[in-house]
Protein backbone atom coordinates (compact mmCIF):
# COMPACT_ATOMS: atom_id res chain seq x y z
CA MET A 1 67.21 55.56 115.05
CA ALA A 2 67.72 53.30 112.05
CA ASP A 3 70.47 50.66 112.17
CA ILE A 4 73.23 52.76 110.61
CA ALA A 5 76.96 52.06 110.89
CA PHE A 6 78.14 54.89 113.15
CA ASP A 7 78.39 55.54 116.86
CA PRO A 8 76.08 58.46 117.79
CA SER A 9 78.11 59.11 120.97
CA ASP A 10 81.46 59.48 119.12
CA PRO A 11 82.10 62.71 117.11
CA ALA A 12 84.86 61.06 115.06
CA SER A 13 82.59 58.15 114.13
CA ILE A 14 79.83 60.55 113.08
CA GLU A 15 82.28 62.50 110.90
CA ARG A 16 83.68 59.33 109.27
CA TYR A 17 80.21 58.15 108.36
CA ALA A 18 79.24 61.61 107.05
CA LYS A 19 82.32 61.74 104.79
CA ARG A 20 80.46 59.31 102.52
CA LEU A 21 78.29 62.24 101.50
CA GLU A 22 81.15 63.97 99.65
CA GLY A 23 80.50 63.76 95.91
CA MET A 24 76.89 62.63 96.29
CA THR A 25 73.84 64.54 95.10
CA PHE A 26 70.85 64.92 97.39
CA ARG A 27 68.92 62.70 95.00
CA GLU A 28 71.49 59.93 95.47
CA VAL A 29 71.08 60.32 99.23
CA LEU A 30 67.32 59.99 98.77
CA ASP A 31 67.86 56.83 96.74
CA LEU A 32 69.63 55.18 99.71
CA GLY A 33 66.13 54.53 101.07
CA ILE A 34 66.94 55.40 104.68
CA VAL A 35 63.75 56.43 106.49
CA PRO A 36 63.55 56.82 110.29
CA GLU A 37 60.67 55.14 112.05
CA GLY A 38 57.60 57.31 112.41
CA VAL A 39 58.61 59.85 109.72
CA ALA A 40 56.21 60.34 106.84
CA ARG A 41 57.78 63.57 105.58
CA GLU A 42 57.85 63.71 101.78
CA TYR A 43 60.95 65.01 100.05
CA ASN A 44 61.64 65.84 96.42
CA ASN A 45 58.35 67.63 95.93
CA ARG A 46 57.13 71.19 96.05
CA ARG A 47 55.35 70.74 99.37
CA TYR A 48 58.62 70.21 101.25
CA LYS A 49 59.77 73.54 102.68
CA GLY A 50 62.47 72.34 105.07
CA GLY A 51 66.20 72.75 104.72
CA MET A 52 68.80 70.30 103.48
CA GLY A 53 70.08 69.83 107.03
CA THR A 54 66.77 68.25 108.04
CA PHE A 55 66.90 66.12 104.90
CA ILE A 56 70.36 64.77 105.77
CA GLU A 57 69.37 64.11 109.39
CA GLU A 58 66.46 61.92 108.34
CA ARG A 59 67.47 60.40 104.99
CA PHE A 60 71.18 59.77 105.68
CA PHE A 61 71.60 59.51 109.46
CA GLY A 62 68.18 57.96 109.93
CA TYR A 63 66.86 59.92 112.88
CA LYS A 64 63.78 62.09 113.16
CA ALA A 65 64.62 65.80 113.02
CA ASN A 66 63.33 68.07 115.78
CA SER A 67 63.61 71.65 116.99
CA ASP A 68 65.17 70.88 120.38
CA GLN A 69 67.68 73.29 121.84
CA GLU A 70 70.11 70.40 122.31
CA PRO A 71 72.57 69.35 119.56
CA ASP A 72 71.36 66.89 116.94
CA PHE A 73 73.64 64.19 118.37
CA PRO A 74 73.28 64.96 122.10
CA GLU A 75 75.53 62.12 123.31
CA ALA A 76 78.39 63.43 121.19
CA GLY A 77 77.49 67.11 121.49
CA VAL A 78 77.48 67.41 117.68
CA GLU A 79 75.16 69.71 115.74
CA LEU A 80 74.54 68.95 112.05
CA LYS A 81 74.34 71.91 109.70
CA ALA A 82 74.07 72.03 105.90
CA SER A 83 75.10 75.15 104.05
CA CYS A 84 75.78 76.14 100.47
CA PHE A 85 78.48 77.90 98.51
CA ASP A 86 78.37 79.59 95.12
CA VAL A 87 80.92 79.47 92.30
CA LYS A 88 81.76 83.00 91.15
CA LYS A 89 82.52 83.98 87.57
CA ASN A 90 86.28 83.83 88.25
CA GLY A 91 85.94 80.26 89.51
CA ASP A 92 86.40 81.12 93.18
CA TYR A 93 84.04 79.80 95.83
CA SER A 94 81.96 82.04 98.07
CA ALA A 95 79.81 81.01 101.04
CA GLY A 96 76.21 81.47 99.99
CA GLU A 97 74.63 82.29 103.33
CA ARG A 98 75.03 82.84 107.05
CA LEU A 99 74.67 79.78 109.29
CA VAL A 100 71.70 80.06 111.64
CA LEU A 101 72.44 78.39 114.99
CA THR A 102 69.50 78.98 117.35
CA MET A 103 66.93 81.62 118.18
CA ILE A 104 67.77 84.56 120.44
CA PRO A 105 65.29 84.33 123.32
CA MET A 106 62.83 87.21 123.18
CA GLY A 107 60.04 85.77 125.34
CA GLY A 108 62.26 84.75 128.24
CA PRO A 109 65.63 85.41 129.90
CA ILE A 110 68.91 85.12 128.03
CA ALA A 111 71.85 83.30 129.62
CA ASP A 112 74.41 85.58 131.27
CA ASP A 113 77.28 83.21 130.51
CA PHE A 114 77.98 82.23 126.92
CA PHE A 115 79.09 78.74 127.99
CA ALA A 116 75.71 78.19 129.66
CA SER A 117 73.79 79.25 126.56
CA HIS A 118 71.99 77.23 123.90
CA VAL A 119 74.10 78.85 121.21
CA TRP A 120 77.28 77.41 122.72
CA ARG A 121 75.79 73.91 122.81
CA LYS A 122 74.81 74.36 119.15
CA SER A 123 78.23 75.65 118.02
CA GLU A 124 80.80 73.77 120.12
CA LYS A 125 81.02 70.94 117.56
CA ILE A 126 79.35 71.39 114.17
CA LEU A 127 79.25 68.72 111.50
CA LEU A 128 79.27 71.09 108.54
CA VAL A 129 77.98 69.78 105.20
CA TYR A 130 78.79 72.16 102.35
CA TYR A 131 77.08 71.72 98.99
CA GLU A 132 77.53 73.57 95.71
CA ARG A 133 74.49 75.71 94.94
CA ASP A 134 73.60 75.68 91.25
CA ARG A 135 70.39 77.58 90.60
CA SER A 136 70.16 76.21 87.05
CA ILE A 137 69.41 72.65 88.19
CA ASP A 138 66.95 70.96 90.53
CA SER A 139 67.90 71.35 94.19
CA TYR A 140 68.11 67.57 94.60
CA ASP A 141 70.72 67.35 91.83
CA GLN A 142 73.11 69.68 93.65
CA VAL A 143 76.35 68.06 94.79
CA ILE A 144 77.68 67.82 98.35
CA ARG A 145 81.35 68.79 98.14
CA TYR A 146 82.74 69.02 101.67
CA VAL A 147 81.96 67.47 105.04
CA LYS A 148 83.93 68.27 108.17
CA LEU A 149 83.57 68.50 111.93
CA ILE A 150 84.21 72.13 112.88
CA THR A 151 85.21 73.43 116.31
CA PRO A 152 85.99 77.14 116.80
CA SER A 153 89.66 77.85 117.45
CA GLU A 154 90.72 79.27 120.82
CA GLU A 155 91.07 82.76 119.34
CA ASP A 156 87.78 82.54 117.42
CA LEU A 157 86.00 81.36 120.53
CA LYS A 158 87.11 84.40 122.50
CA ILE A 159 85.83 86.73 119.79
CA ILE A 160 82.57 84.75 119.53
CA ARG A 161 82.16 85.12 123.28
CA GLU A 162 82.72 88.90 122.96
CA ASP A 163 80.00 88.95 120.30
CA TYR A 164 77.62 87.01 122.53
CA ASP A 165 78.17 89.39 125.43
CA LYS A 166 77.48 92.39 123.17
CA ILE A 167 74.23 90.86 121.85
CA ALA A 168 73.11 89.68 125.28
CA SER A 169 73.75 93.09 126.85
CA LEU A 170 71.38 94.78 124.40
CA VAL A 171 68.76 92.08 124.88
CA LYS A 172 68.95 92.41 128.68
CA ALA A 173 68.69 96.19 128.35
CA GLY A 174 65.43 95.78 126.44
CA LYS A 175 67.06 97.18 123.29
CA ALA A 176 66.93 94.16 120.99
CA GLU A 177 65.45 96.39 118.29
CA GLU A 178 68.92 97.94 117.94
CA LEU A 179 70.62 94.65 117.06
CA SER A 180 72.27 94.22 113.67
CA GLU A 181 74.82 91.81 112.24
CA GLY A 182 77.27 94.63 111.60
CA MET A 183 77.76 95.37 115.29
CA THR A 184 79.58 92.08 115.99
CA SER A 185 82.48 90.14 114.49
CA TYR A 186 81.78 86.43 113.95
CA LEU A 187 78.56 85.66 115.83
CA GLY A 188 75.72 87.71 114.40
CA ALA A 189 72.11 88.50 115.26
CA CYS A 190 70.15 87.93 112.04
CA THR A 191 66.44 88.58 111.56
CA LYS A 192 64.29 85.48 111.55
CA GLY A 193 60.67 85.52 110.48
CA ALA A 194 58.46 84.39 107.64
CA SER A 195 57.11 87.87 106.97
CA GLU A 196 57.18 91.40 108.32
CA ALA A 197 53.80 90.77 109.97
CA THR A 198 55.02 87.75 111.97
CA MET A 199 58.53 89.01 112.66
CA TRP A 200 57.77 91.36 115.57
CA VAL A 201 57.44 90.26 119.21
CA ASP A 202 57.34 92.03 122.57
CA GLN A 203 60.61 91.82 124.46
CA PHE A 204 60.86 89.94 127.75
CA TYR A 205 63.00 92.66 129.32
CA PRO A 206 61.64 96.13 130.15
CA PRO A 207 60.49 98.38 128.65
CA HIS A 208 59.03 95.38 126.70
CA THR A 209 58.99 97.27 123.38
CA PRO A 210 58.52 95.28 120.16
CA ALA A 211 61.61 93.94 118.37
CA LYS A 212 62.18 91.73 115.38
CA LYS A 213 62.72 88.04 116.01
CA ARG A 214 66.40 87.29 115.64
CA ALA A 215 68.65 84.25 115.68
CA PHE A 216 72.27 83.73 116.62
CA CYS A 217 74.22 82.96 113.46
CA PHE A 218 77.72 82.65 112.15
CA LYS A 219 78.01 85.58 109.77
CA ARG A 220 78.35 84.91 106.06
CA SER A 221 81.88 86.32 106.10
CA TYR A 222 82.86 83.88 108.87
CA MET A 223 81.30 81.01 106.90
CA ASP A 224 83.25 82.13 103.84
CA TYR A 225 86.48 81.95 105.80
CA LEU A 226 85.60 78.50 107.16
CA LEU A 227 84.86 77.34 103.62
CA HIS A 228 88.27 78.43 102.35
CA SER A 229 90.43 77.68 105.37
CA ALA A 230 88.87 74.63 107.01
CA MET A 231 87.07 72.86 104.16
CA MET A 232 89.15 73.56 101.05
CA PRO A 233 92.85 72.62 101.09
CA GLY A 234 95.57 74.69 99.48
CA ARG A 235 94.21 78.24 99.72
CA GLN A 236 96.70 80.90 100.83
CA PRO A 237 95.52 82.05 104.27
CA ALA A 238 95.21 85.66 105.33
CA GLU A 239 97.55 87.00 108.03
CA PRO A 240 96.29 87.13 111.61
CA ILE A 241 96.42 90.39 113.52
CA VAL A 242 96.30 88.77 116.96
CA PRO A 243 99.58 86.90 117.58
CA SER A 244 98.07 84.49 120.13
CA ALA A 245 94.73 83.89 121.85
CA ASP A 246 96.28 84.96 125.18
CA VAL A 247 96.17 88.58 124.01
CA LEU A 248 92.38 88.47 124.17
CA ASP A 249 92.43 87.58 127.86
CA GLU A 250 93.27 91.19 128.66
CA MET A 251 91.25 93.10 126.07
CA THR A 252 88.72 92.63 123.28
CA PHE A 253 89.82 92.14 119.70
CA GLU A 254 88.77 95.66 118.73
CA GLU A 255 90.56 97.15 121.73
CA TYR A 256 93.70 95.29 120.66
CA VAL A 257 93.50 96.63 117.10
CA LEU A 258 93.08 100.19 118.36
CA SER A 259 95.98 99.71 120.79
CA LEU A 260 98.26 99.04 117.79
CA LEU A 261 97.20 102.27 116.07
CA GLN A 262 96.91 104.65 119.01
CA PRO A 263 100.68 105.06 119.76
CA HIS A 264 101.08 106.55 116.27
CA PHE A 265 98.35 109.19 116.47
CA GLY A 266 99.82 112.57 115.59
CA LYS A 267 102.47 111.21 113.19
CA THR A 268 102.37 112.33 109.57
CA ASP A 269 101.80 109.84 106.80
CA ARG A 270 105.31 110.62 105.51
CA ALA A 271 106.86 109.84 108.89
CA LEU A 272 104.84 106.64 109.11
CA CYS A 273 106.04 105.55 105.68
CA ASP A 274 109.67 106.18 106.74
CA MET A 275 109.11 104.20 109.95
CA LEU A 276 107.44 101.29 108.16
CA GLY A 277 109.82 101.18 105.19
CA LEU A 278 107.13 102.14 102.67
CA GLU A 279 107.69 104.31 99.63
CA TYR A 280 105.91 107.63 100.15
CA THR A 281 103.55 108.48 97.30
CA GLY A 282 101.69 111.41 98.82
CA ASN A 283 98.26 110.10 97.86
CA LYS A 284 95.36 108.78 99.90
CA ALA A 285 95.59 105.31 98.38
CA GLN A 286 98.61 104.47 100.52
CA TRP A 287 96.82 105.18 103.82
CA VAL A 288 95.18 101.75 103.88
CA ARG A 289 98.63 100.24 103.33
CA ILE A 290 99.89 102.23 106.33
CA VAL A 291 97.03 100.96 108.50
CA TYR A 292 97.69 97.30 107.67
CA SER A 293 101.42 97.78 108.25
CA LEU A 294 100.76 99.31 111.68
CA LEU A 295 98.71 96.20 112.46
CA GLY A 296 101.81 94.11 111.74
CA LEU A 297 100.71 92.73 108.37
CA ARG A 298 102.78 92.42 105.20
CA GLY A 299 99.78 92.53 102.89
CA GLU A 300 96.24 93.87 102.99
CA ARG A 301 94.42 90.70 104.02
CA ALA A 302 93.71 90.37 107.73
CA GLU A 303 92.30 87.04 108.89
CA GLU A 304 90.07 88.55 111.57
CA PHE A 305 88.78 91.28 109.24
CA GLU A 306 87.85 88.74 106.59
CA LYS A 307 86.02 86.60 109.14
CA ALA A 308 84.17 89.60 110.55
CA ASN A 309 83.53 91.43 107.25
CA VAL A 310 85.39 94.54 108.44
CA SER A 311 85.88 97.23 105.80
CA VAL A 312 88.87 99.51 106.43
CA ARG A 313 88.07 103.06 105.33
CA THR A 314 90.46 106.01 105.54
CA VAL A 315 89.22 109.60 105.49
CA ARG A 316 90.85 113.01 105.27
CA VAL A 317 89.74 115.65 107.77
CA GLU A 318 90.38 119.28 106.85
CA GLU A 319 91.93 121.79 109.26
CA ARG A 320 88.58 123.52 109.67
CA GLY A 321 87.03 120.28 110.89
CA ALA A 322 85.21 118.82 107.87
CA ILE A 323 85.48 116.04 105.31
CA VAL A 324 85.38 117.12 101.68
CA GLU A 325 84.78 113.74 100.07
CA SER A 326 81.72 111.54 100.50
CA LEU A 327 82.19 107.80 100.96
CA SER A 328 81.65 105.79 97.79
CA LEU A 329 79.99 102.37 97.69
CA ASP A 330 79.75 99.81 94.88
CA THR A 331 77.87 100.59 91.70
CA PHE A 332 74.34 99.28 91.28
CA LYS A 333 72.22 98.24 88.32
CA PHE A 334 69.14 100.34 87.58
CA CYS A 335 67.05 97.32 86.64
CA ASP A 336 68.04 95.54 89.86
CA ILE A 337 66.84 98.52 91.90
CA ALA A 338 63.55 98.65 90.00
CA ASN A 339 62.85 94.95 90.57
CA GLN A 340 63.91 94.69 94.21
CA GLU A 341 62.24 95.35 97.52
CA TRP A 342 64.11 97.11 100.29
CA ASP A 343 64.43 94.01 102.47
CA ASP A 344 66.12 92.15 99.61
CA SER A 345 68.33 95.02 98.51
CA ALA A 346 72.12 94.88 98.36
CA LEU A 347 72.35 98.26 100.10
CA LYS A 348 70.45 97.09 103.18
CA ALA A 349 72.40 93.83 103.35
CA TYR A 350 75.71 95.68 103.05
CA PHE A 351 75.11 97.99 106.00
CA GLU A 352 73.42 95.34 108.11
CA GLU A 353 76.34 92.94 107.72
CA THR A 354 79.41 95.18 107.41
CA ARG A 355 81.52 96.54 110.25
CA PHE A 356 83.83 99.43 109.48
CA LEU A 357 87.19 100.52 110.79
CA PHE A 358 87.37 104.24 110.11
CA VAL A 359 90.87 105.73 110.26
CA SER A 360 91.18 109.51 109.93
CA PHE A 361 94.08 111.64 108.76
CA LEU A 362 94.02 115.32 109.74
CA LYS A 363 95.44 118.04 107.50
CA THR A 364 97.90 120.15 109.51
CA SER A 365 100.73 122.58 108.83
CA GLU A 366 103.14 119.64 109.21
CA GLY A 367 101.28 117.44 106.76
CA LEU A 368 98.55 114.82 106.95
CA CYS A 369 98.64 113.27 110.43
CA LEU A 370 97.10 110.05 111.65
CA GLU A 371 94.36 111.44 113.89
CA GLY A 372 92.34 108.52 115.19
CA ALA A 373 90.49 105.27 114.53
CA ARG A 374 87.09 103.85 115.35
CA PHE A 375 85.12 100.68 114.76
CA TRP A 376 81.58 101.47 113.66
CA SER A 377 78.43 99.93 112.27
CA MET A 378 75.42 101.81 110.98
CA PRO A 379 72.63 101.98 113.58
CA MET A 380 69.39 100.25 112.66
CA ARG A 381 67.53 103.56 113.07
CA ASP A 382 69.66 104.97 110.21
CA ILE A 383 69.38 101.83 108.08
CA GLU A 384 65.60 101.73 108.39
CA GLY A 385 65.30 105.53 108.38
CA PRO A 386 67.24 107.86 106.06
CA LEU A 387 69.18 105.12 104.24
CA ARG A 388 65.95 103.32 103.36
CA ASP A 389 64.40 106.65 102.30
CA CYS A 390 67.28 107.25 99.88
CA TRP A 391 66.98 103.75 98.40
CA GLU A 392 63.19 103.94 98.02
CA ARG A 393 63.35 107.38 96.41
CA THR A 394 65.96 105.98 94.01
CA LYS A 395 63.69 103.06 93.14
CA GLU A 396 60.73 105.39 92.61
CA VAL A 397 62.69 107.68 90.27
CA VAL A 398 64.18 104.76 88.31
CA SER A 399 60.82 102.98 88.02
CA ARG A 400 58.97 106.08 86.86
CA GLY A 401 61.76 107.07 84.50
CA VAL A 402 64.78 109.17 85.44
CA GLU A 403 64.36 112.78 84.38
CA LEU A 404 67.43 113.72 82.33
CA GLU A 405 67.87 117.36 81.40
CA ILE A 406 70.54 118.32 78.87
CA ALA A 407 72.09 121.75 79.34
CA ILE A 408 75.01 123.51 77.68
CA ARG A 409 77.26 125.77 79.71
CA LYS A 410 78.76 129.01 78.37
CA ASN A 411 82.04 127.24 77.66
CA GLY A 412 80.21 124.74 75.49
CA GLU A 413 80.37 121.87 77.99
CA VAL A 414 77.37 119.55 77.90
CA VAL A 415 75.82 118.95 81.33
CA ILE A 416 73.16 116.31 82.01
CA LYS A 417 71.15 116.76 85.20
CA ASN A 418 68.94 114.12 86.83
CA ASN A 419 66.42 113.89 89.64
CA LEU A 420 68.05 111.08 91.65
CA PRO A 421 68.56 111.72 95.42
CA LYS A 422 71.04 114.51 96.14
CA LYS A 423 73.41 115.17 99.00
CA THR A 424 71.57 118.43 99.66
CA ASP A 425 68.21 116.73 100.23
CA LYS A 426 66.82 117.51 103.68
CA GLY A 427 67.55 114.87 106.31
CA SER A 428 69.63 112.70 104.00
CA ILE A 429 72.67 110.66 104.96
CA ALA A 430 73.26 109.23 101.48
CA HIS A 431 72.87 110.22 97.86
CA VAL A 432 73.30 108.88 94.34
CA ARG A 433 75.88 109.99 91.83
CA PRO A 434 78.28 108.48 89.27
CA HIS A 435 81.01 106.15 90.44
CA THR A 436 83.22 107.23 87.56
CA SER A 437 84.32 110.55 86.14
CA LYS A 438 83.54 109.25 82.64
CA ARG A 439 80.09 110.13 81.29
CA ALA A 440 78.05 107.71 79.21
CA TYR A 441 74.54 108.43 77.88
CA LYS A 442 72.33 107.13 75.10
CA LEU A 443 69.03 108.97 75.08
CA GLU A 444 65.98 109.42 72.91
CA GLY A 445 66.44 111.46 69.75
CA GLY A 446 69.81 109.90 68.94
CA PHE A 447 71.78 111.72 71.65
CA GLU A 448 74.86 109.70 72.66
CA ILE A 449 78.00 110.59 74.57
CA GLY A 450 80.83 108.59 76.14
CA ASP A 451 81.62 104.87 76.17
CA ILE A 452 78.21 103.38 76.95
CA GLU A 453 79.52 99.80 76.96
CA ARG A 454 82.18 100.53 79.57
CA ASP A 455 80.67 103.31 81.68
CA GLY A 456 76.93 103.12 81.02
CA ASP A 457 74.01 101.16 82.48
CA GLU A 458 70.59 100.51 80.97
CA LEU A 459 67.52 102.06 82.54
CA PRO A 460 64.25 100.08 82.64
CA ASP A 461 62.91 102.22 79.77
CA GLY A 462 65.86 101.31 77.51
CA ARG A 463 67.83 104.54 77.79
CA ILE A 464 71.41 104.36 79.01
CA MET A 465 73.04 106.64 81.55
CA THR A 466 76.31 106.67 83.47
CA GLN A 467 76.70 103.94 86.09
CA GLN A 468 75.66 105.23 89.49
CA SER A 469 76.57 104.44 93.10
CA PHE A 470 75.20 105.17 96.51
CA TRP A 471 77.43 107.49 98.56
CA LEU A 472 77.41 108.28 102.26
CA ASN A 473 77.30 112.06 102.69
CA ASN A 474 80.57 113.63 103.82
CA THR A 475 78.77 115.36 106.70
CA TYR A 476 77.47 112.01 107.94
CA VAL A 477 80.94 110.45 107.73
CA TYR A 478 82.41 113.39 109.65
CA GLY A 479 79.85 112.76 112.37
CA ILE A 480 81.20 109.22 112.65
CA VAL A 481 84.91 109.96 112.84
CA SER A 482 84.51 113.04 115.04
CA LEU A 483 82.02 111.37 117.40
CA SER A 484 79.71 114.30 116.84
CA GLY A 485 76.02 113.67 116.25
CA ASP A 486 74.09 110.61 117.40
CA HIS A 487 76.02 107.69 115.94
CA GLU A 488 76.36 104.17 117.28
CA GLY A 489 79.81 102.70 117.43
CA ASP A 490 82.40 100.95 119.49
CA GLY A 491 86.05 101.76 119.96
CA GLU A 492 87.67 105.13 120.32
CA ILE A 493 89.07 107.98 118.35
CA SER A 494 91.61 110.54 119.54
């Protein structure tokens, strides 16, 4: 190692030295002229394909980077990681990516105990270097904003250990092909491979079926929380659900959440509002407020949910045992769909990374009663099966040109039909329809209706039609909350 002024066996010394990086660009780091002995790696050119973590290891700390399973500073037990954040239009910061820690072993055994695993040695003490990603400038001109030594809190560590056990259990069962980031809270299992062709390997455990290479990672949502809570001072923190880490000695985090809701199953939403001191409005919008209040929170920001990217969704179940409404997702842009591939799509990323807490209210003669709750993530077989089919059919229709048929009903109402995927399509779990009740079209021949600036979106061929969203079919959602059908999920429902 080069003669640099820090003690490689002392975490505090390493952090103090690294703090000099704050405010520097990568080019300024390069200009320091630090080069470890025996390293001929060229930076600041198109041939360099490594990450900025490797760059900092060699050109700031002065040691040769390697792919060992041990931490980068083995004497101190410190792992160096560089990650980026983006500045959103509103000026807020958002973590730009998940943080890859180490590969999940596919060709050999996985450690039974988290504290005996490589991932623990890589995550116990992380020197986290956060830089501001600006795609409009050269990567070497991007600025390093924050540097800090990160150690998971006692509560976080217990949830991370739960995540490890869940991932390891599937790997040991020879079911690594079922892994997804959405099935865990903070520690994820992300795909890792240069291409689809090189991504698949045979599993070590029987039945030795092929599975995608995956790595342990801190999920992007967890990195976002670390960015705002640990790195940036002054941000108002979210409220924790778990009052102390001791609670997680007796049960998992998800079991604890469900234990707070379960005593109130069977109570009407009106009775719950009276109990919680909430004004009763009689509409579905207040159900999420009820859920957060039952979890002991004043607002609708839960620390653990933000870290784990948990989306709370409430659904109404009819007396006859059905859900009338499908589940809406965010709107999409037609041109984005046309220019994307499935693996890079927002829809795939959303369901791979998001965990849901479904809470159902049942319509009864006494009113709408809290019926049950369940944590759930979409199984990979559904993501890569019917969900992918819906997305690819949408892309095909949009790319070829959406067929828009104008019809006039007997009452004079103008109806515009299209050939995008429908809820009634055979084998579907999702469909496409407007996210708004307001119509907006600008078609050939001068036909125009609605506020196209507010409610419309441009098609690749220049026409404009109403903004659209993907929706999960109501029948599919009912299969989740009722535990009918073949759906993956953890937790319980009454």
